[in-house]
PDB file of N, CA and C in Angstrom:
ATOM      1  N   MET A   1       1.071  -1.355  -0.053  1.00  0.00           N
ATOM      2  CA  MET A   1      -0.090   0.120  -0.095  1.00  0.00           C
ATOM      3  C   MET A   1       0.881   1.381   0.252  1.00  0.00           C
ATOM      4  N   ARG A   2       0.416   2.040  -1.100  1.00  0.00           N
ATOM      5  CA  ARG A   2       1.144   3.635  -1.005  1.00  0.00           C
ATOM      6  C   ARG A   2       0.547   4.474  -0.027  1.00  0.00           C
ATOM      7  N   GLU A   3       1.721   4.915   0.434  1.00  0.00           N
ATOM      8  CA  GLU A   3       1.248   5.919   1.830  1.00  0.00           C
ATOM      9  C   GLU A   3       0.764   7.347   1.138  1.00  0.00           C
ATOM     10  N   GLU A   4       1.514   8.523   0.471  1.00  0.00           N
ATOM     11  CA  GLU A   4       1.283   8.925  -0.766  1.00  0.00           C
ATOM     12  C   GLU A   4       2.130   9.042  -1.892  1.00  0.00           C
ATOM     13  N   GLU A   5       1.431   9.976  -2.973  1.00  0.00           N
ATOM     14  CA  GLU A   5       1.889  10.371  -4.128  1.00  0.00           C
ATOM     15  C   GLU A   5       1.871  11.756  -4.846  1.00  0.00           C
ATOM     16  N   ILE A   6       2.758  12.021  -5.071  1.00  0.00           N
ATOM     17  CA  ILE A   6       3.310  13.959  -5.151  1.00  0.00           C
ATOM     18  C   ILE A   6       2.230  13.316  -6.514  1.00  0.00           C
ATOM     19  N   ILE A   7       1.548  14.565  -6.591  1.00  0.00           N
ATOM     20  CA  ILE A   7       0.886  14.748  -8.533  1.00  0.00           C
ATOM     21  C   ILE A   7       1.498  15.783  -8.915  1.00  0.00           C
ATOM     22  N   GLN A   8       1.864  16.704  -8.169  1.00  0.00           N
ATOM     23  CA  GLN A   8       2.476  18.330  -8.646  1.00  0.00           C
ATOM     24  C   GLN A   8       2.811  19.286  -8.295  1.00  0.00           C
ATOM     25  N   VAL A   9       4.113  19.882  -7.971  1.00  0.00           N
ATOM     26  CA  VAL A   9       4.620  20.673  -7.642  1.00  0.00           C
ATOM     27  C   VAL A   9       5.095  21.895  -7.897  1.00  0.00           C
ATOM     28  N   VAL A  10       4.683  22.888  -7.351  1.00  0.00           N
ATOM     29  CA  VAL A  10       5.126  24.544  -7.668  1.00  0.00           C
ATOM     30  C   VAL A  10       6.433  24.753  -6.586  1.00  0.00           C
ATOM     31  N   PRO A  11       6.500  26.263  -7.173  1.00  0.00           N
ATOM     32  CA  PRO A  11       7.363  27.351  -6.408  1.00  0.00           C
ATOM     33  C   PRO A  11       6.785  27.949  -4.813  1.00  0.00           C
ATOM     34  N   ALA A  12       7.700  27.606  -3.841  1.00  0.00           N
ATOM     35  CA  ALA A  12       6.474  28.365  -2.774  1.00  0.00           C
ATOM     36  C   ALA A  12       7.057  29.694  -3.066  1.00  0.00           C
ATOM     37  N   GLN A  13       5.881  30.863  -2.699  1.00  0.00           N
ATOM     38  CA  GLN A  13       6.366  32.281  -2.667  1.00  0.00           C
ATOM     39  C   GLN A  13       7.276  32.026  -1.360  1.00  0.00           C
ATOM     40  N   SER A  14       8.270  33.456  -1.334  1.00  0.00           N
ATOM     41  CA  SER A  14       9.492  33.694  -0.481  1.00  0.00           C
ATOM     42  C   SER A  14       8.269  34.568   0.369  1.00  0.00           C
ATOM     43  N   GLY A  15       8.825  34.218   1.580  1.00  0.00           N
ATOM     44  CA  GLY A  15       8.402  34.312   3.250  1.00  0.00           C
ATOM     45  C   GLY A  15       7.266  32.919   3.769  1.00  0.00           C
ATOM     46  N   TRP A  16       7.489  32.055   3.303  1.00  0.00           N
ATOM     47  CA  TRP A  16       6.761  30.774   3.889  1.00  0.00           C
ATOM     48  C   TRP A  16       8.201  29.989   4.564  1.00  0.00           C
ATOM     49  N   PHE A  17       7.294  29.686   5.482  1.00  0.00           N
ATOM     50  CA  PHE A  17       8.261  28.693   6.924  1.00  0.00           C
ATOM     51  C   PHE A  17       7.864  28.217   7.392  1.00  0.00           C
ATOM     52  N   ALA A  18       7.862  26.780   7.445  1.00  0.00           N
ATOM     53  CA  ALA A  18       8.104  25.253   8.471  1.00  0.00           C
ATOM     54  C   ALA A  18       8.527  26.243   9.982  1.00  0.00           C
ATOM     55  N   TYR A  19       7.313  26.374  11.126  1.00  0.00           N
ATOM     56  CA  TYR A  19       7.293  26.681  12.221  1.00  0.00           C
ATOM     57  C   TYR A  19       7.429  25.198  13.393  1.00  0.00           C
ATOM     58  N   GLY A  20       8.171  25.305  14.459  1.00  0.00           N
ATOM     59  CA  GLY A  20       8.681  24.424  14.608  1.00  0.00           C
ATOM     60  C   GLY A  20       8.997  24.456  16.139  1.00  0.00           C
ATOM     61  N   ARG A  21       9.397  23.375  16.809  1.00  0.00           N
ATOM     62  CA  ARG A  21       9.885  23.378  18.519  1.00  0.00           C
ATOM     63  C   ARG A  21      10.986  22.725  18.939  1.00  0.00           C
ATOM     64  N   ASP A  22      12.524  22.689  19.110  1.00  0.00           N
ATOM     65  CA  ASP A  22      13.138  21.569  20.053  1.00  0.00           C
ATOM     66  C   ASP A  22      12.670  21.110  20.457  1.00  0.00           C
ATOM     67  N   GLY A  23      12.184  19.661  21.090  1.00  0.00           N
ATOM     68  CA  GLY A  23      11.688  18.519  22.053  1.00  0.00           C
ATOM     69  C   GLY A  23      12.610  19.192  23.000  1.00  0.00           C
ATOM     70  N   GLN A  24      13.914  19.582  22.757  1.00  0.00           N
ATOM     71  CA  GLN A  24      15.020  19.494  23.857  1.00  0.00           C
ATOM     72  C   GLN A  24      14.828  20.781  24.816  1.00  0.00           C
ATOM     73  N   GLY A  25      15.118  21.782  24.031  1.00  0.00           N
ATOM     74  CA  GLY A  25      15.133  22.823  24.660  1.00  0.00           C
ATOM     75  C   GLY A  25      13.635  23.892  25.007  1.00  0.00           C
ATOM     76  N   GLY A  26      13.478  23.889  24.493  1.00  0.00           N
ATOM     77  CA  GLY A  26      11.865  24.255  23.214  1.00  0.00           C
ATOM     78  C   GLY A  26      12.276  25.667  22.930  1.00  0.00           C
ATOM     79  N   ALA A  27      13.104  25.144  22.230  1.00  0.00           N
ATOM     80  CA  ALA A  27      14.272  25.920  20.828  1.00  0.00           C
ATOM     81  C   ALA A  27      12.975  26.098  19.756  1.00  0.00           C
ATOM     82  N   GLU A  28      12.326  26.940  19.385  1.00  0.00           N
ATOM     83  CA  GLU A  28      12.184  27.941  18.257  1.00  0.00           C
ATOM     84  C   GLU A  28      12.691  27.457  16.969  1.00  0.00           C
ATOM     85  N   PHE A  29      12.325  27.127  16.220  1.00  0.00           N
ATOM     86  CA  PHE A  29      12.805  26.987  14.514  1.00  0.00           C
ATOM     87  C   PHE A  29      12.264  27.275  13.818  1.00  0.00           C
ATOM     88  N   LEU A  30      12.177  27.642  12.515  1.00  0.00           N
ATOM     89  CA  LEU A  30      11.913  28.053  10.649  1.00  0.00           C
ATOM     90  C   LEU A  30      13.011  27.762   9.781  1.00  0.00           C
ATOM     91  N   ALA A  31      12.215  27.184   9.063  1.00  0.00           N
ATOM     92  CA  ALA A  31      12.207  26.122   8.108  1.00  0.00           C
ATOM     93  C   ALA A  31      11.862  26.760   6.369  1.00  0.00           C
ATOM     94  N   PRO A  32      12.950  27.363   5.563  1.00  0.00           N
ATOM     95  CA  PRO A  32      11.806  27.803   4.564  1.00  0.00           C
ATOM     96  C   PRO A  32      11.505  26.885   4.048  1.00  0.00           C
ATOM     97  N   VAL A  33      10.615  26.866   3.583  1.00  0.00           N
ATOM     98  CA  VAL A  33       9.439  26.565   2.232  1.00  0.00           C
ATOM     99  C   VAL A  33       9.604  26.768   1.110  1.00  0.00           C
ATOM    100  N   ALA A  34      10.581  24.833   0.567  1.00  0.00           N
ATOM    101  CA  ALA A  34      10.683  25.791  -1.463  1.00  0.00           C
ATOM    102  C   ALA A  34      10.105  25.760  -2.322  1.00  0.00           C
ATOM    103  N   LEU A  35       9.400  24.081  -1.542  1.00  0.00           N
ATOM    104  CA  LEU A  35       7.773  23.911  -3.066  1.00  0.00           C
ATOM    105  C   LEU A  35       6.782  23.718  -2.007  1.00  0.00           C
ATOM    106  N   TRP A  36       6.166  23.271  -3.079  1.00  0.00           N
ATOM    107  CA  TRP A  36       4.494  23.091  -2.260  1.00  0.00           C
ATOM    108  C   TRP A  36       4.064  21.712  -3.466  1.00  0.00           C
ATOM    109  N   ALA A  37       3.915  20.927  -2.820  1.00  0.00           N
ATOM    110  CA  ALA A  37       3.546  19.275  -3.769  1.00  0.00           C
ATOM    111  C   ALA A  37       1.350  18.991  -2.664  1.00  0.00           C
ATOM    112  N   LEU A  38       1.212  19.143  -4.296  1.00  0.00           N
ATOM    113  CA  LEU A  38      -0.446  18.751  -3.959  1.00  0.00           C
ATOM    114  C   LEU A  38       0.022  16.790  -4.151  1.00  0.00           C
ATOM    115  N   VAL A  39      -0.067  16.090  -3.107  1.00  0.00           N
ATOM    116  CA  VAL A  39      -0.471  14.794  -2.600  1.00  0.00           C
ATOM    117  C   VAL A  39      -1.632  14.079  -2.372  1.00  0.00           C
ATOM    118  N   ASP A  40      -1.993  12.760  -3.254  1.00  0.00           N
ATOM    119  CA  ASP A  40      -2.607  12.163  -2.947  1.00  0.00           C
ATOM    120  C   ASP A  40      -2.329  10.527  -2.591  1.00  0.00           C
ATOM    121  N   SER A  41      -3.387  10.375  -1.385  1.00  0.00           N
ATOM    122  CA  SER A  41      -3.411   9.930  -0.506  1.00  0.00           C
ATOM    123  C   SER A  41      -4.097   8.128  -0.924  1.00  0.00           C
ATOM    124  N   SER A  42      -3.602   6.882  -0.670  1.00  0.00           N
ATOM    125  CA  SER A  42      -4.175   5.711  -0.457  1.00  0.00           C
ATOM    126  C   SER A  42      -5.438   5.798  -0.466  1.00  0.00           C
ATOM    127  N   ALA A  43      -5.920   6.315  -0.099  1.00  0.00           N
ATOM    128  CA  ALA A  43      -7.530   7.020   0.596  1.00  0.00           C
ATOM    129  C   ALA A  43      -7.976   7.459  -0.713  1.00  0.00           C
ATOM    130  N   GLY A  44      -7.157   8.553  -1.767  1.00  0.00           N
ATOM    131  CA  GLY A  44      -8.303   9.378  -2.412  1.00  0.00           C
ATOM    132  C   GLY A  44      -8.205  10.772  -1.592  1.00  0.00           C
ATOM    133  N   VAL A  45      -7.213  11.312  -0.810  1.00  0.00           N
ATOM    134  CA  VAL A  45      -7.407  11.948  -0.615  1.00  0.00           C
ATOM    135  C   VAL A  45      -5.860  13.212  -0.903  1.00  0.00           C
ATOM    136  N   ARG A  46      -6.260  14.453  -1.106  1.00  0.00           N
ATOM    137  CA  ARG A  46      -5.441  15.115  -1.837  1.00  0.00           C
ATOM    138  C   ARG A  46      -4.681  16.389  -0.255  1.00  0.00           C
ATOM    139  N   ARG A  47      -3.937  17.054  -0.019  1.00  0.00           N
ATOM    140  CA  ARG A  47      -3.495  17.322   0.309  1.00  0.00           C
ATOM    141  C   ARG A  47      -2.191  18.232  -0.020  1.00  0.00           C
ATOM    142  N   VAL A  48      -2.232  19.546   0.395  1.00  0.00           N
ATOM    143  CA  VAL A  48      -1.239  20.062   0.007  1.00  0.00           C
ATOM    144  C   VAL A  48       0.073  20.206   1.205  1.00  0.00           C
ATOM    145  N   VAL A  49       1.550  19.668   0.848  1.00  0.00           N
ATOM    146  CA  VAL A  49       2.902  19.679   1.805  1.00  0.00           C
ATOM    147  C   VAL A  49       3.614  20.434   1.027  1.00  0.00           C
ATOM    148  N   GLY A  50       4.009  21.194   2.196  1.00  0.00           N
ATOM    149  CA  GLY A  50       5.668  21.917   2.024  1.00  0.00           C
ATOM    150  C   GLY A  50       7.071  21.137   2.329  1.00  0.00           C
ATOM    151  N   LEU A  51       7.490  21.801   1.579  1.00  0.00           N
ATOM    152  CA  LEU A  51       9.312  20.671   0.828  1.00  0.00           C
ATOM    153  C   LEU A  51       9.802  21.399   1.251  1.00  0.00           C
ATOM    154  N   THR A  52      10.848  20.981   1.707  1.00  0.00           N
ATOM    155  CA  THR A  52      12.356  21.852   1.930  1.00  0.00           C
ATOM    156  C   THR A  52      13.595  21.806   0.756  1.00  0.00           C
ATOM    157  N   ALA A  53      15.038  22.715   1.127  1.00  0.00           N
ATOM    158  CA  ALA A  53      15.847  21.851   0.625  1.00  0.00           C
ATOM    159  C   ALA A  53      17.197  21.229   1.031  1.00  0.00           C
ATOM    160  N   HIS A  54      17.193  20.318   1.446  1.00  0.00           N
ATOM    161  CA  HIS A  54      18.941  20.242   2.568  1.00  0.00           C
ATOM    162  C   HIS A  54      19.794  19.955   0.933  1.00  0.00           C
ATOM    163  N   GLY A  55      20.870  21.033   0.724  1.00  0.00           N
ATOM    164  CA  GLY A  55      22.011  20.780   0.329  1.00  0.00           C
ATOM    165  C   GLY A  55      20.972  21.008  -1.241  1.00  0.00           C
ATOM    166  N   LEU A  56      22.738  20.070  -1.982  1.00  0.00           N
ATOM    167  CA  LEU A  56      22.250  19.731  -3.513  1.00  0.00           C
ATOM    168  C   LEU A  56      21.085  18.850  -3.930  1.00  0.00           C
ATOM    169  N   GLY A  57      20.159  18.996  -4.363  1.00  0.00           N
ATOM    170  CA  GLY A  57      19.467  17.700  -4.823  1.00  0.00           C
ATOM    171  C   GLY A  57      18.877  16.862  -3.969  1.00  0.00           C
ATOM    172  N   HIS A  58      18.807  17.018  -2.524  1.00  0.00           N
ATOM    173  CA  HIS A  58      17.742  17.140  -1.597  1.00  0.00           C
ATOM    174  C   HIS A  58      16.643  17.423  -1.102  1.00  0.00           C
ATOM    175  N   VAL A  59      15.385  17.096  -1.060  1.00  0.00           N
ATOM    176  CA  VAL A  59      13.723  17.319  -0.387  1.00  0.00           C
ATOM    177  C   VAL A  59      13.452  16.632   0.120  1.00  0.00           C
ATOM    178  N   SER A  60      12.777  17.643   1.351  1.00  0.00           N
ATOM    179  CA  SER A  60      11.978  16.398   2.615  1.00  0.00           C
ATOM    180  C   SER A  60      10.838  17.190   2.802  1.00  0.00           C
ATOM    181  N   ARG A  61       9.827  16.561   2.947  1.00  0.00           N
ATOM    182  CA  ARG A  61       9.197  17.381   3.512  1.00  0.00           C
ATOM    183  C   ARG A  61       8.569  17.618   4.969  1.00  0.00           C
ATOM    184  N   VAL A  62       8.454  19.176   4.920  1.00  0.00           N
ATOM    185  CA  VAL A  62       8.057  19.677   6.249  1.00  0.00           C
ATOM    186  C   VAL A  62       7.865  19.111   7.214  1.00  0.00           C
ATOM    187  N   GLU A  63       6.527  18.427   6.747  1.00  0.00           N
ATOM    188  CA  GLU A  63       6.357  17.984   8.185  1.00  0.00           C
ATOM    189  C   GLU A  63       6.527  16.816   8.754  1.00  0.00           C
ATOM    190  N   GLU A  64       7.994  16.381   8.673  1.00  0.00           N
ATOM    191  CA  GLU A  64       8.505  15.754   8.989  1.00  0.00           C
ATOM    192  C   GLU A  64       9.981  15.622   9.322  1.00  0.00           C
ATOM    193  N   LEU A  65       9.647  16.843   9.658  1.00  0.00           N
ATOM    194  CA  LEU A  65      11.212  17.873  10.584  1.00  0.00           C
ATOM    195  C   LEU A  65      10.561  17.631  11.539  1.00  0.00           C
ATOM    196  N   GLU A  66      11.547  16.583  13.321  1.00  0.00           N
ATOM    197  CA  GLU A  66      11.260  16.831  14.417  1.00  0.00           C
ATOM    198  C   GLU A  66      11.041  17.882  14.446  1.00  0.00           C
ATOM    199  N   GLY A  67       9.411  18.485  15.033  1.00  0.00           N
ATOM    200  CA  GLY A  67       9.041  19.583  16.076  1.00  0.00           C
ATOM    201  C   GLY A  67       8.083  20.468  15.400  1.00  0.00           C
ATOM    202  N   PHE A  68       8.227  20.066  14.264  1.00  0.00           N
ATOM    203  CA  PHE A  68       6.971  20.655  13.599  1.00  0.00           C
ATOM    204  C   PHE A  68       6.113  21.367  13.876  1.00  0.00           C
ATOM    205  N   VAL A  69       5.454  21.848  14.119  1.00  0.00           N
ATOM    206  CA  VAL A  69       4.212  22.574  14.971  1.00  0.00           C
ATOM    207  C   VAL A  69       3.322  22.718  13.232  1.00  0.00           C
ATOM    208  N   GLU A  70       3.969  23.900  12.695  1.00  0.00           N
ATOM    209  CA  GLU A  70       2.911  24.515  11.886  1.00  0.00           C
ATOM    210  C   GLU A  70       3.537  25.064  10.177  1.00  0.00           C
ATOM    211  N   TYR A  71       2.395  25.851   9.422  1.00  0.00           N
ATOM    212  CA  TYR A  71       3.546  26.430   8.427  1.00  0.00           C
ATOM    213  C   TYR A  71       3.086  27.954   8.583  1.00  0.00           C
ATOM    214  N   ARG A  72       3.611  29.020   8.448  1.00  0.00           N
ATOM    215  CA  ARG A  72       4.365  30.483   8.867  1.00  0.00           C
ATOM    216  C   ARG A  72       4.354  31.106   7.130  1.00  0.00           C
ATOM    217  N   HIS A  73       3.688  32.240   7.862  1.00  0.00           N
ATOM    218  CA  HIS A  73       4.227  33.504   6.688  1.00  0.00           C
ATOM    219  C   HIS A  73       4.348  34.751   7.016  1.00  0.00           C
ATOM    220  N   VAL A  74       5.987  34.695   6.686  1.00  0.00           N
ATOM    221  CA  VAL A  74       6.317  35.481   7.636  1.00  0.00           C
ATOM    222  C   VAL A  74       6.200  36.985   6.282  1.00  0.00           C
ATOM    223  N   SER A  75       5.780  37.863   6.723  1.00  0.00           N
ATOM    224  CA  SER A  75       6.109  39.386   5.734  1.00  0.00           C
ATOM    225  C   SER A  75       7.278  39.906   5.958  1.00  0.00           C
ATOM    226  N   GLN A  76       7.598  40.673   4.518  1.00  0.00           N
ATOM    227  CA  GLN A  76       8.693  40.665   3.759  1.00  0.00           C
ATOM    228  C   GLN A  76       8.732  42.637   3.648  1.00  0.00           C
ATOM    229  N   GLU A  77       7.258  43.296   4.220  1.00  0.00           N
ATOM    230  CA  GLU A  77       7.615  43.708   3.667  1.00  0.00           C
ATOM    231  C   GLU A  77       8.428  44.901   4.443  1.00  0.00           C
ATOM    232  N   GLY A  78       8.928  45.978   2.830  1.00  0.00           N
ATOM    233  CA  GLY A  78       9.594  47.145   3.344  1.00  0.00           C
ATOM    234  C   GLY A  78      10.923  46.870   3.433  1.00  0.00           C
ATOM    235  N   GLU A  79      11.406  45.314   3.005  1.00  0.00           N
ATOM    236  CA  GLU A  79      12.422  45.127   2.099  1.00  0.00           C
ATOM    237  C   GLU A  79      12.631  45.489  -0.031  1.00  0.00           C
ATOM    238  N   GLY A  80      13.776  45.895   0.545  1.00  0.00           N
ATOM    239  CA  GLY A  80      13.696  46.472  -1.411  1.00  0.00           C
ATOM    240  C   GLY A  80      12.984  47.653  -1.596  1.00  0.00           C
ATOM    241  N   THR A  81      13.300  48.776  -0.380  1.00  0.00           N
ATOM    242  CA  THR A  81      12.494  49.724  -0.813  1.00  0.00           C
ATOM    243  C   THR A  81      13.154  50.365  -0.130  1.00  0.00           C
TER     244      THR A  81
END
Protein backbone atom coordinates (compact mmCIF):
# COMPACT_ATOMS: atom_id res chain seq x y z
CA MET A 1 0.00 0.00 0.00
CA ARG A 2 1.44 3.39 -1.01
CA GLU A 3 1.37 6.20 1.53
CA GLU A 4 1.14 9.33 -0.61
CA GLU A 5 2.02 10.10 -4.20
CA ILE A 6 3.10 13.55 -5.36
CA ILE A 7 0.75 14.76 -8.10
CA GLN A 8 2.11 18.26 -8.74
CA VAL A 9 4.88 20.55 -7.43
CA VAL A 10 5.04 24.36 -7.57
CA PRO A 11 7.58 26.85 -6.17
CA ALA A 12 6.69 28.45 -2.83
CA GLN A 13 6.50 32.23 -2.64
CA SER A 14 9.10 33.95 -0.51
CA GLY A 15 8.19 34.22 3.15
CA TRP A 16 6.75 30.73 3.79
CA PHE A 17 8.36 28.77 6.63
CA ALA A 18 7.85 25.69 8.75
CA TYR A 19 7.62 26.69 12.40
CA GLY A 20 8.63 24.23 15.05
CA ARG A 21 9.96 23.70 18.55
CA ASP A 22 13.01 21.69 19.51
CA GLY A 23 11.86 18.97 21.89
CA GLN A 24 14.95 19.30 24.10
CA GLY A 25 15.02 22.94 25.12
CA GLY A 26 11.89 24.25 23.49
CA ALA A 27 13.96 26.41 21.12
CA GLU A 28 11.90 27.67 18.21
CA PHE A 29 12.96 27.31 14.59
CA LEU A 30 11.87 28.46 11.14
CA ALA A 31 12.78 26.36 8.07
CA PRO A 32 12.10 27.86 4.63
CA VAL A 33 9.53 26.17 2.40
CA ALA A 34 11.01 25.84 -1.10
CA LEU A 35 8.14 24.01 -2.82
CA TRP A 36 4.49 23.11 -2.32
CA ALA A 37 3.43 19.61 -3.37
CA LEU A 38 -0.07 18.34 -4.05
CA VAL A 39 -0.16 14.75 -2.76
CA ASP A 40 -2.76 12.02 -3.12
CA SER A 41 -3.10 9.33 -0.44
CA SER A 42 -4.05 5.72 -1.09
CA ALA A 43 -7.43 6.60 0.44
CA GLY A 44 -7.96 9.22 -2.30
CA VAL A 45 -7.44 12.23 -0.01
CA ARG A 46 -5.52 15.12 -1.58
CA ARG A 47 -3.63 17.74 0.40
CA VAL A 48 -0.81 20.24 0.02
CA VAL A 49 2.49 19.76 1.86
CA GLY A 50 5.60 21.92 2.06
CA LEU A 51 8.99 20.72 0.90
CA THR A 52 12.35 22.08 2.03
CA ALA A 53 15.77 21.70 0.41
CA HIS A 54 18.81 20.19 2.15
CA GLY A 55 21.98 20.74 0.13
CA LEU A 56 22.05 19.97 -3.56
CA GLY A 57 19.36 17.64 -4.81
CA HIS A 58 17.92 16.65 -1.43
CA VAL A 59 14.33 17.59 -0.66
CA SER A 60 12.20 16.48 2.28
CA ARG A 61 8.73 17.11 3.59
CA VAL A 62 8.57 19.93 6.09
CA GLU A 63 6.08 17.99 8.23
CA GLU A 64 8.76 15.33 8.79
CA LEU A 65 11.08 17.81 10.56
CA GLU A 66 11.36 16.92 14.23
CA GLY A 67 9.29 19.38 16.25
CA PHE A 68 7.23 20.67 13.28
CA VAL A 69 4.16 22.60 14.49
CA GLU A 70 2.69 24.56 11.57
CA TYR A 71 3.28 26.56 8.41
CA ARG A 72 3.80 30.31 8.83
CA HIS A 73 4.08 33.23 6.45
CA VAL A 74 6.54 35.93 7.52
CA SER A 75 5.89 39.24 5.79
CA GLN A 76 8.84 40.73 3.94
CA GLU A 77 7.34 44.25 3.87
CA GLY A 78 9.82 47.07 3.58
CA GLU A 79 12.59 44.98 2.02
CA GLY A 80 14.04 46.27 -1.22
CA THR A 81 12.39 49.68 -0.97
